[in-house]
Amino acid sequence: MCTCRSLLVINYDIYITAKFIEVIKILDHNLNIVFPGAPGTGKTTLCEALAKKFNTKWMPEYGREYWEKNQVERRLSELQLLEIAKGHLEIEDRYIYESEKFLFTDTNAITTYMFSKYYHNTVSQELSNLAKIAEKRYDLIFYVIQIFLMMTPGIALEMLIESGFRKKLKMI
């Protein structure tokens, strides 16, 4: 199991982020680096740009693809959110072995957990378990937020609080 490090990225700068990642390149295994955050904060753009810079794979947000195919009146059921978390992990497991040094992962089960909590006021035990696994699954976590959150500010702030961000910030 990896020892997770975290970093808050506010209105990220691809070059500064890339320089930080270059420092940790010396490890002997592929690093799984995740970018959780609310919709519209630039996670996809950042993952794609970093993968291109480091000539490796990136894991698109499975939830976005799932939502586009399965949402009803712009909502997903609790069961569907669980399916997203499971599907994301399955694809991510394949991608980590196909990557070169890094896998840049766009969001994770913690984000899906927060959506369930926000939209349904509850989280299934199985999704909670997947979110707990996600807490220790990644080598590096970049929390991506924007100073002016337009889309879902409640989710972004709750994610930081729920993930123990204050505690993690002291470790940086």
N, C-alpha and C. Protein backbone atom coordinates (compact mmCIF):
# COMPACT_ATOMS: atom_id res chain seq x y z
N MET A 1 0.85 -1.18 0.00
CA MET A 1 0.00 0.00 0.00
C MET A 1 0.89 1.24 0.00
N CYS A 2 0.47 2.25 -0.74
CA CYS A 2 1.29 3.44 -0.88
C CYS A 2 1.06 4.39 0.29
N THR A 3 2.03 5.24 0.52
CA THR A 3 1.88 6.31 1.48
C THR A 3 1.42 7.52 0.69
N CYS A 4 0.24 7.97 0.95
CA CYS A 4 -0.36 9.01 0.13
C CYS A 4 0.12 10.39 0.55
N ARG A 5 0.40 11.22 -0.44
CA ARG A 5 0.72 12.62 -0.23
C ARG A 5 -0.36 13.44 -0.91
N SER A 6 -0.65 14.62 -0.39
CA SER A 6 -1.68 15.43 -1.02
C SER A 6 -1.21 16.86 -1.20
N LEU A 7 -1.83 17.52 -2.15
CA LEU A 7 -1.50 18.89 -2.48
C LEU A 7 -2.76 19.56 -2.99
N LEU A 8 -3.01 20.77 -2.53
CA LEU A 8 -4.14 21.54 -3.02
C LEU A 8 -3.68 22.36 -4.21
N VAL A 9 -4.43 22.28 -5.30
CA VAL A 9 -4.12 23.05 -6.49
C VAL A 9 -5.27 24.02 -6.71
N ILE A 10 -5.00 25.31 -6.58
CA ILE A 10 -6.02 26.32 -6.80
C ILE A 10 -5.67 27.04 -8.09
N ASN A 11 -6.62 27.01 -9.04
CA ASN A 11 -6.36 27.61 -10.36
C ASN A 11 -4.98 27.17 -10.83
N TYR A 12 -4.83 25.90 -11.04
CA TYR A 12 -3.56 25.23 -11.28
C TYR A 12 -2.75 25.85 -12.41
N ASP A 13 -1.47 25.62 -12.31
CA ASP A 13 -0.52 26.01 -13.35
C ASP A 13 0.15 24.72 -13.80
N ILE A 14 -0.05 24.33 -15.04
CA ILE A 14 0.45 23.05 -15.55
C ILE A 14 1.95 22.94 -15.40
N TYR A 15 2.68 24.01 -15.56
CA TYR A 15 4.14 23.94 -15.50
C TYR A 15 4.64 23.75 -14.08
N ILE A 16 4.03 24.41 -13.13
CA ILE A 16 4.41 24.23 -11.72
C ILE A 16 4.06 22.81 -11.29
N THR A 17 2.88 22.33 -11.65
CA THR A 17 2.45 20.98 -11.31
C THR A 17 3.40 19.95 -11.92
N ALA A 18 3.76 20.14 -13.18
CA ALA A 18 4.67 19.21 -13.85
C ALA A 18 6.03 19.20 -13.17
N LYS A 19 6.53 20.34 -12.77
CA LYS A 19 7.84 20.40 -12.07
C LYS A 19 7.77 19.61 -10.76
N PHE A 20 6.68 19.74 -10.02
CA PHE A 20 6.52 19.02 -8.77
C PHE A 20 6.55 17.51 -9.03
N ILE A 21 5.87 17.09 -10.08
CA ILE A 21 5.81 15.67 -10.40
C ILE A 21 7.17 15.15 -10.85
N GLU A 22 7.95 15.97 -11.56
CA GLU A 22 9.28 15.55 -11.99
C GLU A 22 10.16 15.19 -10.78
N VAL A 23 9.96 15.86 -9.68
CA VAL A 23 10.75 15.60 -8.47
C VAL A 23 10.49 14.20 -7.94
N ILE A 24 9.27 13.68 -8.08
CA ILE A 24 8.95 12.37 -7.51
C ILE A 24 9.07 11.24 -8.53
N LYS A 25 9.62 11.50 -9.71
CA LYS A 25 9.73 10.51 -10.77
C LYS A 25 10.68 9.35 -10.45
N ILE A 26 11.48 9.46 -9.43
CA ILE A 26 12.52 8.48 -9.18
C ILE A 26 12.02 7.18 -8.56
N LEU A 27 10.76 7.10 -8.21
CA LEU A 27 10.23 5.89 -7.61
C LEU A 27 10.22 4.75 -8.61
N ASP A 28 10.22 3.52 -8.12
CA ASP A 28 10.38 2.35 -8.99
C ASP A 28 9.07 1.72 -9.46
N HIS A 29 7.96 2.37 -9.29
CA HIS A 29 6.69 1.85 -9.76
C HIS A 29 5.88 2.97 -10.40
N ASN A 30 4.87 2.59 -11.17
CA ASN A 30 4.00 3.59 -11.78
C ASN A 30 3.20 4.28 -10.68
N LEU A 31 3.22 5.59 -10.69
CA LEU A 31 2.47 6.35 -9.70
C LEU A 31 1.06 6.60 -10.20
N ASN A 32 0.10 6.35 -9.33
CA ASN A 32 -1.29 6.67 -9.64
C ASN A 32 -1.59 8.00 -8.95
N ILE A 33 -1.76 9.04 -9.74
CA ILE A 33 -1.96 10.39 -9.23
C ILE A 33 -3.39 10.80 -9.55
N VAL A 34 -4.16 11.13 -8.53
CA VAL A 34 -5.58 11.42 -8.71
C VAL A 34 -5.85 12.91 -8.51
N PHE A 35 -6.85 13.39 -9.25
CA PHE A 35 -7.28 14.79 -9.19
C PHE A 35 -8.78 14.83 -8.87
N PRO A 36 -9.16 14.74 -7.58
CA PRO A 36 -10.57 14.85 -7.24
C PRO A 36 -10.99 16.32 -7.20
N GLY A 37 -12.27 16.55 -7.39
CA GLY A 37 -12.78 17.92 -7.31
C GLY A 37 -14.15 18.02 -7.97
N ALA A 38 -14.75 19.16 -7.80
CA ALA A 38 -16.09 19.41 -8.36
C ALA A 38 -16.02 19.55 -9.88
N PRO A 39 -17.16 19.38 -10.54
CA PRO A 39 -17.20 19.57 -11.99
C PRO A 39 -16.76 20.98 -12.38
N GLY A 40 -16.07 21.08 -13.50
CA GLY A 40 -15.70 22.38 -14.03
C GLY A 40 -14.45 23.00 -13.43
N THR A 41 -13.70 22.26 -12.64
CA THR A 41 -12.51 22.83 -12.01
C THR A 41 -11.24 22.60 -12.83
N GLY A 42 -11.33 21.86 -13.93
CA GLY A 42 -10.18 21.67 -14.80
C GLY A 42 -9.43 20.37 -14.62
N LYS A 43 -10.03 19.42 -13.93
CA LYS A 43 -9.35 18.14 -13.68
C LYS A 43 -9.00 17.43 -14.99
N THR A 44 -9.95 17.36 -15.89
CA THR A 44 -9.74 16.67 -17.16
C THR A 44 -8.64 17.34 -17.97
N THR A 45 -8.70 18.64 -18.07
CA THR A 45 -7.68 19.40 -18.81
C THR A 45 -6.30 19.17 -18.22
N LEU A 46 -6.22 19.20 -16.91
CA LEU A 46 -4.93 19.01 -16.23
C LEU A 46 -4.40 17.59 -16.43
N CYS A 47 -5.24 16.59 -16.25
CA CYS A 47 -4.81 15.19 -16.44
C CYS A 47 -4.33 14.96 -17.88
N GLU A 48 -5.08 15.44 -18.82
CA GLU A 48 -4.74 15.26 -20.23
C GLU A 48 -3.40 15.94 -20.56
N ALA A 49 -3.21 17.17 -20.07
CA ALA A 49 -1.97 17.91 -20.34
C ALA A 49 -0.76 17.24 -19.69
N LEU A 50 -0.92 16.77 -18.46
CA LEU A 50 0.19 16.10 -17.78
C LEU A 50 0.54 14.77 -18.46
N ALA A 51 -0.47 14.03 -18.88
CA ALA A 51 -0.21 12.77 -19.59
C ALA A 51 0.55 13.03 -20.88
N LYS A 52 0.19 14.08 -21.57
CA LYS A 52 0.88 14.42 -22.80
C LYS A 52 2.33 14.82 -22.50
N LYS A 53 2.53 15.65 -21.48
CA LYS A 53 3.88 16.10 -21.13
C LYS A 53 4.78 14.93 -20.75
N PHE A 54 4.24 13.95 -20.02
CA PHE A 54 5.04 12.82 -19.54
C PHE A 54 4.89 11.57 -20.41
N ASN A 55 4.23 11.71 -21.55
CA ASN A 55 4.09 10.61 -22.51
C ASN A 55 3.55 9.34 -21.85
N THR A 56 2.40 9.49 -21.20
CA THR A 56 1.78 8.38 -20.49
C THR A 56 0.27 8.43 -20.66
N LYS A 57 -0.42 7.56 -19.97
CA LYS A 57 -1.88 7.50 -20.04
C LYS A 57 -2.51 8.40 -18.97
N TRP A 58 -3.75 8.73 -19.23
CA TRP A 58 -4.55 9.36 -18.19
C TRP A 58 -5.90 8.66 -18.16
N MET A 59 -6.50 8.62 -17.01
CA MET A 59 -7.78 7.94 -16.80
C MET A 59 -8.89 8.97 -16.80
N PRO A 60 -9.70 9.01 -17.88
CA PRO A 60 -10.83 9.95 -17.91
C PRO A 60 -11.84 9.63 -16.81
N GLU A 61 -12.62 10.61 -16.46
CA GLU A 61 -13.65 10.43 -15.45
C GLU A 61 -14.74 9.52 -16.00
N TYR A 62 -14.83 8.32 -15.47
CA TYR A 62 -15.84 7.36 -15.92
C TYR A 62 -17.25 7.87 -15.62
N GLY A 63 -17.41 8.59 -14.53
CA GLY A 63 -18.72 9.10 -14.15
C GLY A 63 -19.33 10.03 -15.19
N ARG A 64 -18.50 10.80 -15.87
CA ARG A 64 -19.01 11.72 -16.89
C ARG A 64 -19.60 10.93 -18.06
N GLU A 65 -18.85 9.93 -18.51
CA GLU A 65 -19.31 9.08 -19.61
C GLU A 65 -20.61 8.36 -19.21
N TYR A 66 -20.63 7.81 -18.00
CA TYR A 66 -21.81 7.10 -17.50
C TYR A 66 -23.00 8.05 -17.41
N TRP A 67 -22.77 9.24 -16.87
CA TRP A 67 -23.84 10.22 -16.70
C TRP A 67 -24.46 10.58 -18.05
N GLU A 68 -23.61 10.82 -19.04
CA GLU A 68 -24.11 11.20 -20.37
C GLU A 68 -25.02 10.14 -20.96
N LYS A 69 -24.77 8.88 -20.66
CA LYS A 69 -25.57 7.78 -21.20
C LYS A 69 -26.78 7.42 -20.35
N ASN A 70 -26.73 7.67 -19.03
CA ASN A 70 -27.72 7.09 -18.12
C ASN A 70 -28.50 8.07 -17.25
N GLN A 71 -28.18 9.33 -17.25
CA GLN A 71 -28.87 10.26 -16.35
C GLN A 71 -30.33 10.44 -16.74
N VAL A 72 -31.16 10.69 -15.75
CA VAL A 72 -32.57 10.99 -15.96
C VAL A 72 -32.83 12.33 -15.29
N GLU A 73 -33.25 13.31 -16.06
CA GLU A 73 -33.49 14.66 -15.54
C GLU A 73 -32.27 15.17 -14.77
N ARG A 74 -31.09 14.93 -15.34
CA ARG A 74 -29.80 15.39 -14.82
C ARG A 74 -29.44 14.79 -13.46
N ARG A 75 -29.99 13.63 -13.13
CA ARG A 75 -29.70 12.96 -11.86
C ARG A 75 -29.36 11.50 -12.09
N LEU A 76 -28.63 10.93 -11.13
CA LEU A 76 -28.33 9.50 -11.10
C LEU A 76 -28.82 8.94 -9.77
N SER A 77 -29.26 7.70 -9.77
CA SER A 77 -29.72 7.06 -8.53
C SER A 77 -28.51 6.64 -7.69
N GLU A 78 -28.78 6.26 -6.45
CA GLU A 78 -27.70 5.77 -5.58
C GLU A 78 -27.04 4.54 -6.18
N LEU A 79 -27.84 3.65 -6.74
CA LEU A 79 -27.30 2.45 -7.37
C LEU A 79 -26.40 2.81 -8.55
N GLN A 80 -26.81 3.78 -9.33
CA GLN A 80 -26.00 4.20 -10.46
C GLN A 80 -24.67 4.81 -10.00
N LEU A 81 -24.69 5.56 -8.91
CA LEU A 81 -23.44 6.12 -8.38
C LEU A 81 -22.49 5.01 -7.94
N LEU A 82 -23.04 3.96 -7.36
CA LEU A 82 -22.22 2.80 -6.98
C LEU A 82 -21.63 2.16 -8.23
N GLU A 83 -22.43 2.02 -9.28
CA GLU A 83 -21.93 1.46 -10.54
C GLU A 83 -20.79 2.31 -11.11
N ILE A 84 -20.89 3.62 -10.97
CA ILE A 84 -19.82 4.51 -11.44
C ILE A 84 -18.53 4.23 -10.68
N ALA A 85 -18.61 4.18 -9.36
CA ALA A 85 -17.41 3.95 -8.56
C ALA A 85 -16.76 2.61 -8.91
N LYS A 86 -17.56 1.57 -9.05
CA LYS A 86 -17.03 0.25 -9.40
C LYS A 86 -16.42 0.26 -10.80
N GLY A 87 -17.13 0.82 -11.76
CA GLY A 87 -16.64 0.87 -13.14
C GLY A 87 -15.35 1.66 -13.26
N HIS A 88 -15.28 2.77 -12.53
CA HIS A 88 -14.08 3.60 -12.56
C HIS A 88 -12.87 2.80 -12.05
N LEU A 89 -13.05 2.10 -10.95
CA LEU A 89 -11.94 1.33 -10.38
C LEU A 89 -11.48 0.21 -11.31
N GLU A 90 -12.42 -0.45 -11.96
CA GLU A 90 -12.06 -1.52 -12.90
C GLU A 90 -11.21 -0.98 -14.04
N ILE A 91 -11.63 0.13 -14.62
CA ILE A 91 -10.88 0.72 -15.73
C ILE A 91 -9.53 1.23 -15.24
N GLU A 92 -9.52 1.86 -14.09
CA GLU A 92 -8.28 2.40 -13.52
C GLU A 92 -7.25 1.29 -13.28
N ASP A 93 -7.71 0.14 -12.81
CA ASP A 93 -6.80 -0.98 -12.58
C ASP A 93 -6.12 -1.41 -13.88
N ARG A 94 -6.85 -1.39 -14.98
CA ARG A 94 -6.24 -1.72 -16.27
C ARG A 94 -5.25 -0.65 -16.71
N TYR A 95 -5.64 0.60 -16.55
CA TYR A 95 -4.81 1.72 -17.02
C TYR A 95 -3.48 1.82 -16.29
N ILE A 96 -3.45 1.49 -15.00
CA ILE A 96 -2.20 1.65 -14.25
C ILE A 96 -1.10 0.76 -14.83
N TYR A 97 -1.47 -0.41 -15.34
CA TYR A 97 -0.47 -1.32 -15.91
C TYR A 97 -0.06 -0.91 -17.32
N GLU A 98 -0.88 -0.11 -17.97
CA GLU A 98 -0.57 0.34 -19.33
C GLU A 98 0.16 1.68 -19.35
N SER A 99 0.30 2.30 -18.20
CA SER A 99 0.90 3.64 -18.14
C SER A 99 2.42 3.56 -18.06
N GLU A 100 3.07 4.68 -18.32
CA GLU A 100 4.52 4.81 -18.22
C GLU A 100 4.85 5.75 -17.07
N LYS A 101 5.32 5.21 -15.99
CA LYS A 101 5.69 5.95 -14.78
C LYS A 101 4.51 6.54 -14.02
N PHE A 102 3.59 7.20 -14.74
CA PHE A 102 2.46 7.87 -14.09
C PHE A 102 1.15 7.48 -14.73
N LEU A 103 0.11 7.43 -13.92
CA LEU A 103 -1.26 7.42 -14.41
C LEU A 103 -1.92 8.63 -13.77
N PHE A 104 -2.40 9.54 -14.60
CA PHE A 104 -3.10 10.72 -14.10
C PHE A 104 -4.59 10.41 -14.13
N THR A 105 -5.20 10.32 -12.94
CA THR A 105 -6.57 9.85 -12.79
C THR A 105 -7.51 11.01 -12.50
N ASP A 106 -8.50 11.16 -13.35
CA ASP A 106 -9.49 12.22 -13.22
C ASP A 106 -10.60 11.74 -12.28
N THR A 107 -10.55 12.17 -11.06
CA THR A 107 -11.51 11.94 -9.98
C THR A 107 -11.44 10.50 -9.43
N ASN A 108 -12.25 10.20 -8.41
CA ASN A 108 -12.23 8.87 -7.79
C ASN A 108 -13.51 8.60 -7.02
N ALA A 109 -13.53 7.51 -6.27
CA ALA A 109 -14.74 7.09 -5.54
C ALA A 109 -15.12 8.08 -4.43
N ILE A 110 -14.17 8.86 -3.95
CA ILE A 110 -14.50 9.86 -2.93
C ILE A 110 -15.41 10.93 -3.53
N THR A 111 -15.15 11.32 -4.76
CA THR A 111 -16.00 12.28 -5.46
C THR A 111 -17.41 11.69 -5.62
N THR A 112 -17.49 10.44 -6.03
CA THR A 112 -18.78 9.78 -6.21
C THR A 112 -19.53 9.69 -4.88
N TYR A 113 -18.80 9.40 -3.81
CA TYR A 113 -19.35 9.38 -2.45
C TYR A 113 -19.99 10.74 -2.12
N MET A 114 -19.26 11.82 -2.44
CA MET A 114 -19.76 13.16 -2.13
C MET A 114 -21.01 13.49 -2.95
N PHE A 115 -21.05 13.05 -4.20
CA PHE A 115 -22.26 13.28 -5.00
C PHE A 115 -23.44 12.55 -4.39
N SER A 116 -23.25 11.33 -3.93
CA SER A 116 -24.34 10.58 -3.30
C SER A 116 -24.83 11.31 -2.05
N LYS A 117 -23.91 11.76 -1.26
CA LYS A 117 -24.26 12.48 -0.02
C LYS A 117 -24.99 13.78 -0.33
N TYR A 118 -24.51 14.50 -1.34
CA TYR A 118 -25.08 15.79 -1.69
C TYR A 118 -26.47 15.65 -2.31
N TYR A 119 -26.62 14.73 -3.26
CA TYR A 119 -27.89 14.62 -3.98
C TYR A 119 -28.91 13.70 -3.31
N HIS A 120 -28.48 12.72 -2.52
CA HIS A 120 -29.41 11.76 -1.93
C HIS A 120 -29.43 11.81 -0.40
N ASN A 121 -28.57 12.61 0.19
CA ASN A 121 -28.48 12.70 1.65
C ASN A 121 -28.14 11.38 2.32
N THR A 122 -27.59 10.46 1.55
CA THR A 122 -27.19 9.16 2.09
C THR A 122 -26.14 8.54 1.17
N VAL A 123 -25.40 7.59 1.72
CA VAL A 123 -24.38 6.88 0.95
C VAL A 123 -24.50 5.40 1.30
N SER A 124 -24.54 4.55 0.30
CA SER A 124 -24.63 3.12 0.57
C SER A 124 -23.34 2.64 1.25
N GLN A 125 -23.46 1.56 2.00
CA GLN A 125 -22.29 1.01 2.68
C GLN A 125 -21.21 0.61 1.68
N GLU A 126 -21.63 0.04 0.55
CA GLU A 126 -20.67 -0.40 -0.45
C GLU A 126 -19.91 0.78 -1.06
N LEU A 127 -20.60 1.88 -1.34
CA LEU A 127 -19.93 3.07 -1.86
C LEU A 127 -19.02 3.68 -0.80
N SER A 128 -19.44 3.67 0.45
CA SER A 128 -18.58 4.14 1.55
C SER A 128 -17.30 3.33 1.61
N ASN A 129 -17.42 2.02 1.45
CA ASN A 129 -16.23 1.15 1.47
C ASN A 129 -15.29 1.47 0.32
N LEU A 130 -15.84 1.71 -0.87
CA LEU A 130 -15.00 2.07 -2.01
C LEU A 130 -14.30 3.41 -1.80
N ALA A 131 -14.99 4.35 -1.17
CA ALA A 131 -14.38 5.65 -0.87
C ALA A 131 -13.24 5.49 0.15
N LYS A 132 -13.42 4.61 1.12
CA LYS A 132 -12.35 4.36 2.10
C LYS A 132 -11.13 3.73 1.42
N ILE A 133 -11.36 2.84 0.49
CA ILE A 133 -10.26 2.25 -0.27
C ILE A 133 -9.53 3.35 -1.06
N ALA A 134 -10.31 4.27 -1.63
CA ALA A 134 -9.73 5.35 -2.42
C ALA A 134 -8.83 6.26 -1.59
N GLU A 135 -9.09 6.37 -0.29
CA GLU A 135 -8.26 7.21 0.57
C GLU A 135 -6.80 6.75 0.58
N LYS A 136 -6.57 5.45 0.37
CA LYS A 136 -5.21 4.91 0.46
C LYS A 136 -4.69 4.38 -0.87
N ARG A 137 -5.45 4.50 -1.91
CA ARG A 137 -5.14 3.88 -3.19
C ARG A 137 -4.11 4.66 -4.01
N TYR A 138 -4.01 5.95 -3.80
CA TYR A 138 -3.23 6.81 -4.69
C TYR A 138 -1.90 7.22 -4.07
N ASP A 139 -0.92 7.39 -4.95
CA ASP A 139 0.40 7.82 -4.51
C ASP A 139 0.44 9.32 -4.23
N LEU A 140 -0.38 10.05 -4.94
CA LEU A 140 -0.42 11.50 -4.79
C LEU A 140 -1.82 11.99 -5.12
N ILE A 141 -2.31 12.92 -4.32
CA ILE A 141 -3.64 13.49 -4.53
C ILE A 141 -3.49 14.99 -4.73
N PHE A 142 -4.03 15.50 -5.83
CA PHE A 142 -4.10 16.94 -6.07
C PHE A 142 -5.57 17.33 -5.95
N TYR A 143 -5.93 18.10 -4.92
CA TYR A 143 -7.30 18.58 -4.80
C TYR A 143 -7.42 19.80 -5.70
N VAL A 144 -8.24 19.69 -6.72
CA VAL A 144 -8.38 20.76 -7.70
C VAL A 144 -9.65 21.54 -7.40
N ILE A 145 -9.48 22.81 -7.04
CA ILE A 145 -10.63 23.69 -6.81
C ILE A 145 -10.34 25.00 -7.51
N GLN A 146 -11.36 25.79 -7.68
CA GLN A 146 -11.19 27.13 -8.23
C GLN A 146 -11.61 28.12 -7.17
N ILE A 147 -11.02 29.28 -7.22
CA ILE A 147 -11.36 30.30 -6.24
C ILE A 147 -12.83 30.70 -6.38
N PHE A 148 -13.31 30.87 -7.61
CA PHE A 148 -14.71 31.21 -7.84
C PHE A 148 -15.42 29.98 -8.38
N LEU A 149 -16.01 29.21 -7.49
CA LEU A 149 -16.71 27.99 -7.89
C LEU A 149 -18.11 28.35 -8.38
N MET A 150 -18.39 28.04 -9.62
CA MET A 150 -19.67 28.41 -10.21
C MET A 150 -20.63 27.22 -10.24
N MET A 151 -20.11 26.00 -10.40
CA MET A 151 -20.98 24.86 -10.67
C MET A 151 -21.60 24.27 -9.40
N THR A 152 -20.77 23.69 -8.53
CA THR A 152 -21.29 23.02 -7.34
C THR A 152 -20.38 23.31 -6.15
N PRO A 153 -20.41 24.53 -5.65
CA PRO A 153 -19.49 24.89 -4.57
C PRO A 153 -19.69 24.07 -3.31
N GLY A 154 -20.93 23.66 -3.00
CA GLY A 154 -21.17 22.87 -1.80
C GLY A 154 -20.42 21.56 -1.83
N ILE A 155 -20.41 20.91 -2.99
CA ILE A 155 -19.72 19.64 -3.12
C ILE A 155 -18.22 19.83 -2.96
N ALA A 156 -17.67 20.85 -3.58
CA ALA A 156 -16.22 21.07 -3.52
C ALA A 156 -15.78 21.30 -2.08
N LEU A 157 -16.48 22.15 -1.36
CA LEU A 157 -16.10 22.43 0.02
C LEU A 157 -16.30 21.21 0.92
N GLU A 158 -17.41 20.49 0.71
CA GLU A 158 -17.64 19.28 1.50
C GLU A 158 -16.57 18.24 1.24
N MET A 159 -16.13 18.14 -0.03
CA MET A 159 -15.08 17.17 -0.37
C MET A 159 -13.82 17.46 0.43
N LEU A 160 -13.45 18.72 0.53
CA LEU A 160 -12.24 19.08 1.27
C LEU A 160 -12.39 18.76 2.75
N ILE A 161 -13.54 19.04 3.29
CA ILE A 161 -13.77 18.78 4.72
C ILE A 161 -13.83 17.28 4.97
N GLU A 162 -14.65 16.54 4.17
CA GLU A 162 -14.82 15.10 4.35
C GLU A 162 -13.52 14.33 4.17
N SER A 163 -12.67 14.78 3.27
CA SER A 163 -11.45 14.03 2.98
C SER A 163 -10.37 14.27 4.03
N GLY A 164 -10.68 15.06 5.05
CA GLY A 164 -9.68 15.33 6.07
C GLY A 164 -8.61 16.28 5.54
N PHE A 165 -9.00 17.19 4.66
CA PHE A 165 -8.04 18.07 4.01
C PHE A 165 -7.22 18.87 5.01
N ARG A 166 -7.88 19.38 6.04
CA ARG A 166 -7.14 20.18 7.03
C ARG A 166 -6.01 19.36 7.65
N LYS A 167 -6.31 18.13 7.97
CA LYS A 167 -5.32 17.23 8.55
C LYS A 167 -4.19 16.98 7.54
N LYS A 168 -4.55 16.73 6.28
CA LYS A 168 -3.55 16.45 5.25
C LYS A 168 -2.70 17.67 4.95
N LEU A 169 -3.28 18.86 5.02
CA LEU A 169 -2.54 20.08 4.73
C LEU A 169 -1.37 20.24 5.69
N LYS A 170 -1.54 19.81 6.94
CA LYS A 170 -0.46 19.90 7.92
C LYS A 170 0.70 18.97 7.57
N MET A 171 0.42 17.90 6.79
CA MET A 171 1.46 16.95 6.43
C MET A 171 2.33 17.46 5.29
N ILE A 172 1.86 18.45 4.52
CA ILE A 172 2.60 18.92 3.35
C ILE A 172 3.80 19.75 3.77
